[in-house]
Amino acid sequence: MSQAVAALWASIVRTLVPIIVGAVLGFFASSNIQIDPEFENLLSGALTALFTTLYYVAVRLFETYISPKLGWLLGYAKSPDNYTADSPAKHKVD
């Protein structure tokens, strides 16, 4: 697999994993709330977006400030700035 394809795959995985986690948490959170059926989808979508954002931000903070190894919680252990050998983050511009 080429480096570009590997980088693309890593970015896709690191995007989809928080969405899936957010959807599952949103489903479980909204399943115990009794509301009007016409607002059920809205609530589920809002909770999914909220949990997805919270999960992603928390894992990125843990990965940045605690240990880069925690990136596996996003499905792929490398942070976005390490996907390619020619990453702009590796070349400091003064």
N, C-alpha and C. Protein backbone atom coordinates (compact mmCIF):
# COMPACT_ATOMS: atom_id res chain seq x y z
N MET A 1 0.85 -1.17 0.00
CA MET A 1 0.00 0.00 0.00
C MET A 1 0.90 1.24 0.00
N SER A 2 0.59 2.18 -0.88
CA SER A 2 1.41 3.39 -0.97
C SER A 2 1.21 4.25 0.27
N GLN A 3 2.15 5.15 0.49
CA GLN A 3 2.08 6.02 1.66
C GLN A 3 0.87 6.94 1.60
N ALA A 4 0.52 7.40 0.39
CA ALA A 4 -0.65 8.28 0.24
C ALA A 4 -1.94 7.53 0.58
N VAL A 5 -2.05 6.28 0.14
CA VAL A 5 -3.25 5.49 0.43
C VAL A 5 -3.31 5.17 1.92
N ALA A 6 -2.17 4.87 2.52
CA ALA A 6 -2.13 4.59 3.96
C ALA A 6 -2.55 5.83 4.75
N ALA A 7 -2.11 7.00 4.32
CA ALA A 7 -2.48 8.24 5.00
C ALA A 7 -3.97 8.51 4.85
N LEU A 8 -4.49 8.26 3.65
CA LEU A 8 -5.93 8.45 3.43
C LEU A 8 -6.73 7.51 4.31
N TRP A 9 -6.34 6.25 4.35
CA TRP A 9 -7.03 5.26 5.17
C TRP A 9 -7.02 5.66 6.64
N ALA A 10 -5.85 6.10 7.13
CA ALA A 10 -5.74 6.50 8.53
C ALA A 10 -6.67 7.67 8.84
N SER A 11 -6.74 8.64 7.94
CA SER A 11 -7.62 9.79 8.19
C SER A 11 -9.09 9.40 8.16
N ILE A 12 -9.45 8.46 7.28
CA ILE A 12 -10.83 7.99 7.22
C ILE A 12 -11.20 7.25 8.51
N VAL A 13 -10.32 6.39 8.96
CA VAL A 13 -10.58 5.63 10.19
C VAL A 13 -10.72 6.57 11.37
N ARG A 14 -9.81 7.56 11.48
CA ARG A 14 -9.84 8.48 12.60
C ARG A 14 -11.05 9.42 12.55
N THR A 15 -11.73 9.48 11.42
CA THR A 15 -12.96 10.25 11.31
C THR A 15 -14.16 9.38 11.65
N LEU A 16 -14.19 8.16 11.14
CA LEU A 16 -15.35 7.30 11.32
C LEU A 16 -15.50 6.74 12.73
N VAL A 17 -14.41 6.44 13.39
CA VAL A 17 -14.49 5.85 14.73
C VAL A 17 -15.22 6.79 15.71
N PRO A 18 -14.88 8.09 15.78
CA PRO A 18 -15.64 8.96 16.68
C PRO A 18 -17.12 9.09 16.29
N ILE A 19 -17.42 9.05 14.99
CA ILE A 19 -18.81 9.12 14.55
C ILE A 19 -19.58 7.89 15.04
N ILE A 20 -18.97 6.73 14.92
CA ILE A 20 -19.62 5.49 15.36
C ILE A 20 -19.81 5.50 16.88
N VAL A 21 -18.76 5.91 17.61
CA VAL A 21 -18.86 5.98 19.07
C VAL A 21 -19.95 6.98 19.47
N GLY A 22 -19.97 8.14 18.82
CA GLY A 22 -21.00 9.14 19.12
C GLY A 22 -22.40 8.64 18.83
N ALA A 23 -22.56 7.91 17.73
CA ALA A 23 -23.88 7.37 17.38
C ALA A 23 -24.35 6.35 18.41
N VAL A 24 -23.45 5.49 18.83
CA VAL A 24 -23.82 4.47 19.83
C VAL A 24 -24.17 5.14 21.16
N LEU A 25 -23.33 6.08 21.61
CA LEU A 25 -23.62 6.77 22.87
C LEU A 25 -24.91 7.59 22.76
N GLY A 26 -25.11 8.25 21.63
CA GLY A 26 -26.34 9.01 21.42
C GLY A 26 -27.57 8.13 21.44
N PHE A 27 -27.47 6.96 20.82
CA PHE A 27 -28.60 6.01 20.82
C PHE A 27 -28.94 5.58 22.24
N PHE A 28 -27.92 5.17 23.01
CA PHE A 28 -28.19 4.71 24.37
C PHE A 28 -28.70 5.84 25.26
N ALA A 29 -28.19 7.04 25.08
CA ALA A 29 -28.65 8.17 25.89
C ALA A 29 -30.08 8.53 25.56
N SER A 30 -30.43 8.51 24.28
CA SER A 30 -31.78 8.91 23.89
C SER A 30 -32.82 7.81 24.06
N SER A 31 -32.39 6.56 24.20
CA SER A 31 -33.35 5.47 24.32
C SER A 31 -34.09 5.49 25.66
N ASN A 32 -33.54 6.14 26.65
CA ASN A 32 -34.18 6.21 27.97
C ASN A 32 -34.95 7.50 28.19
N ILE A 33 -35.04 8.35 27.18
CA ILE A 33 -35.73 9.62 27.31
C ILE A 33 -37.07 9.53 26.58
N GLN A 34 -38.15 9.78 27.29
CA GLN A 34 -39.48 9.74 26.70
C GLN A 34 -39.85 11.12 26.18
N ILE A 35 -39.95 11.25 24.85
CA ILE A 35 -40.33 12.53 24.25
C ILE A 35 -41.30 12.28 23.10
N ASP A 36 -41.82 13.36 22.57
CA ASP A 36 -42.71 13.29 21.42
C ASP A 36 -41.97 12.62 20.26
N PRO A 37 -42.59 11.64 19.59
CA PRO A 37 -41.91 10.91 18.52
C PRO A 37 -41.35 11.79 17.39
N GLU A 38 -41.97 12.94 17.13
CA GLU A 38 -41.47 13.78 16.05
C GLU A 38 -40.14 14.46 16.41
N PHE A 39 -39.82 14.54 17.70
CA PHE A 39 -38.55 15.11 18.12
C PHE A 39 -37.50 14.05 18.43
N GLU A 40 -37.88 12.79 18.35
CA GLU A 40 -36.96 11.70 18.70
C GLU A 40 -35.73 11.69 17.79
N ASN A 41 -35.94 11.83 16.48
CA ASN A 41 -34.80 11.84 15.55
C ASN A 41 -33.92 13.06 15.76
N LEU A 42 -34.53 14.19 16.04
CA LEU A 42 -33.77 15.41 16.30
C LEU A 42 -32.90 15.24 17.55
N LEU A 43 -33.48 14.71 18.60
CA LEU A 43 -32.73 14.48 19.83
C LEU A 43 -31.59 13.49 19.60
N SER A 44 -31.88 12.41 18.91
CA SER A 44 -30.86 11.40 18.63
C SER A 44 -29.71 12.00 17.81
N GLY A 45 -30.04 12.79 16.80
CA GLY A 45 -29.01 13.43 15.99
C GLY A 45 -28.19 14.42 16.78
N ALA A 46 -28.85 15.21 17.63
CA ALA A 46 -28.15 16.20 18.44
C ALA A 46 -27.22 15.52 19.44
N LEU A 47 -27.71 14.45 20.08
CA LEU A 47 -26.87 13.73 21.04
C LEU A 47 -25.69 13.05 20.35
N THR A 48 -25.94 12.52 19.14
CA THR A 48 -24.85 11.90 18.38
C THR A 48 -23.77 12.93 18.06
N ALA A 49 -24.17 14.09 17.59
CA ALA A 49 -23.21 15.15 17.28
C ALA A 49 -22.45 15.59 18.53
N LEU A 50 -23.16 15.74 19.64
CA LEU A 50 -22.53 16.14 20.89
C LEU A 50 -21.52 15.11 21.37
N PHE A 51 -21.94 13.84 21.44
CA PHE A 51 -21.03 12.80 21.92
C PHE A 51 -19.86 12.57 20.97
N THR A 52 -20.08 12.70 19.66
CA THR A 52 -18.99 12.57 18.69
C THR A 52 -17.95 13.65 18.93
N THR A 53 -18.41 14.88 19.08
CA THR A 53 -17.49 15.99 19.30
C THR A 53 -16.74 15.84 20.61
N LEU A 54 -17.46 15.52 21.68
CA LEU A 54 -16.81 15.35 22.98
C LEU A 54 -15.79 14.22 22.96
N TYR A 55 -16.13 13.11 22.34
CA TYR A 55 -15.23 11.97 22.27
C TYR A 55 -13.97 12.34 21.49
N TYR A 56 -14.14 12.96 20.32
CA TYR A 56 -12.98 13.30 19.49
C TYR A 56 -12.07 14.29 20.21
N VAL A 57 -12.65 15.34 20.78
CA VAL A 57 -11.85 16.35 21.47
C VAL A 57 -11.12 15.73 22.66
N ALA A 58 -11.81 14.92 23.44
CA ALA A 58 -11.18 14.29 24.60
C ALA A 58 -10.01 13.40 24.19
N VAL A 59 -10.20 12.58 23.18
CA VAL A 59 -9.13 11.68 22.75
C VAL A 59 -7.96 12.47 22.18
N ARG A 60 -8.23 13.52 21.40
CA ARG A 60 -7.13 14.33 20.85
C ARG A 60 -6.36 15.03 21.97
N LEU A 61 -7.06 15.51 23.00
CA LEU A 61 -6.37 16.12 24.14
C LEU A 61 -5.53 15.09 24.88
N PHE A 62 -6.08 13.91 25.11
CA PHE A 62 -5.32 12.84 25.77
C PHE A 62 -4.11 12.47 24.93
N GLU A 63 -4.31 12.36 23.63
CA GLU A 63 -3.23 11.99 22.72
C GLU A 63 -2.13 13.05 22.71
N THR A 64 -2.53 14.31 22.79
CA THR A 64 -1.56 15.41 22.73
C THR A 64 -0.84 15.62 24.05
N TYR A 65 -1.56 15.59 25.16
CA TYR A 65 -0.98 15.96 26.44
C TYR A 65 -0.62 14.79 27.35
N ILE A 66 -1.17 13.62 27.13
CA ILE A 66 -0.86 12.49 28.00
C ILE A 66 0.09 11.52 27.30
N SER A 67 -0.36 10.95 26.18
CA SER A 67 0.48 10.00 25.46
C SER A 67 -0.03 9.83 24.03
N PRO A 68 0.88 9.91 23.05
CA PRO A 68 0.47 9.69 21.66
C PRO A 68 -0.11 8.30 21.42
N LYS A 69 0.21 7.37 22.29
CA LYS A 69 -0.30 6.01 22.15
C LYS A 69 -1.82 5.94 22.30
N LEU A 70 -2.42 6.94 22.95
CA LEU A 70 -3.87 6.95 23.14
C LEU A 70 -4.62 7.25 21.85
N GLY A 71 -3.90 7.55 20.78
CA GLY A 71 -4.53 7.76 19.48
C GLY A 71 -5.27 6.53 18.98
N TRP A 72 -4.94 5.38 19.49
CA TRP A 72 -5.65 4.15 19.07
C TRP A 72 -7.13 4.23 19.41
N LEU A 73 -7.50 5.10 20.36
CA LEU A 73 -8.93 5.26 20.68
C LEU A 73 -9.71 5.88 19.52
N LEU A 74 -8.99 6.44 18.56
CA LEU A 74 -9.62 6.94 17.34
C LEU A 74 -9.53 5.92 16.21
N GLY A 75 -9.01 4.74 16.53
CA GLY A 75 -8.95 3.68 15.54
C GLY A 75 -7.61 3.55 14.85
N TYR A 76 -6.74 4.53 15.02
CA TYR A 76 -5.43 4.51 14.38
C TYR A 76 -4.51 5.33 15.26
N ALA A 77 -3.39 4.78 15.64
CA ALA A 77 -2.56 5.39 16.67
C ALA A 77 -1.77 6.62 16.22
N LYS A 78 -1.62 6.87 14.95
CA LYS A 78 -0.85 8.02 14.51
C LYS A 78 -1.71 9.27 14.47
N SER A 79 -1.15 10.38 14.96
CA SER A 79 -1.88 11.64 14.89
C SER A 79 -1.79 12.20 13.47
N PRO A 80 -2.69 13.07 13.09
CA PRO A 80 -2.75 13.56 11.71
C PRO A 80 -1.46 14.16 11.18
N ASP A 81 -0.65 14.78 12.01
CA ASP A 81 0.58 15.39 11.53
C ASP A 81 1.67 14.36 11.27
N ASN A 82 1.44 13.10 11.56
CA ASN A 82 2.43 12.06 11.33
C ASN A 82 2.04 11.08 10.22
N TYR A 83 1.04 11.40 9.42
CA TYR A 83 0.58 10.47 8.41
C TYR A 83 1.61 10.24 7.31
N THR A 84 2.33 11.26 6.93
CA THR A 84 3.28 11.12 5.83
C THR A 84 4.66 11.57 6.25
N ALA A 85 5.67 11.04 5.58
CA ALA A 85 7.04 11.40 5.89
C ALA A 85 7.33 12.85 5.51
N ASP A 86 6.63 13.38 4.52
CA ASP A 86 6.83 14.75 4.06
C ASP A 86 5.83 15.72 4.66
N SER A 87 5.34 15.39 5.82
CA SER A 87 4.33 16.22 6.48
C SER A 87 4.87 17.62 6.74
N PRO A 88 4.04 18.66 6.49
CA PRO A 88 4.48 20.02 6.78
C PRO A 88 4.83 20.24 8.24
N ALA A 89 4.21 19.47 9.12
CA ALA A 89 4.50 19.61 10.55
C ALA A 89 5.93 19.19 10.88
N LYS A 90 6.53 18.37 10.04
CA LYS A 90 7.89 17.92 10.29
C LYS A 90 8.92 18.91 9.76
N HIS A 91 8.49 19.87 8.97
CA HIS A 91 9.38 20.87 8.41
C HIS A 91 9.03 22.22 9.01
N LYS A 92 9.79 22.63 10.01
CA LYS A 92 9.49 23.88 10.70
C LYS A 92 9.80 25.05 9.77
N VAL A 93 8.84 25.93 9.63
CA VAL A 93 9.00 27.11 8.79
C VAL A 93 9.20 28.31 9.70
N ASP A 94 10.30 29.00 9.53
CA ASP A 94 10.58 30.19 10.36
C ASP A 94 10.30 31.44 9.59
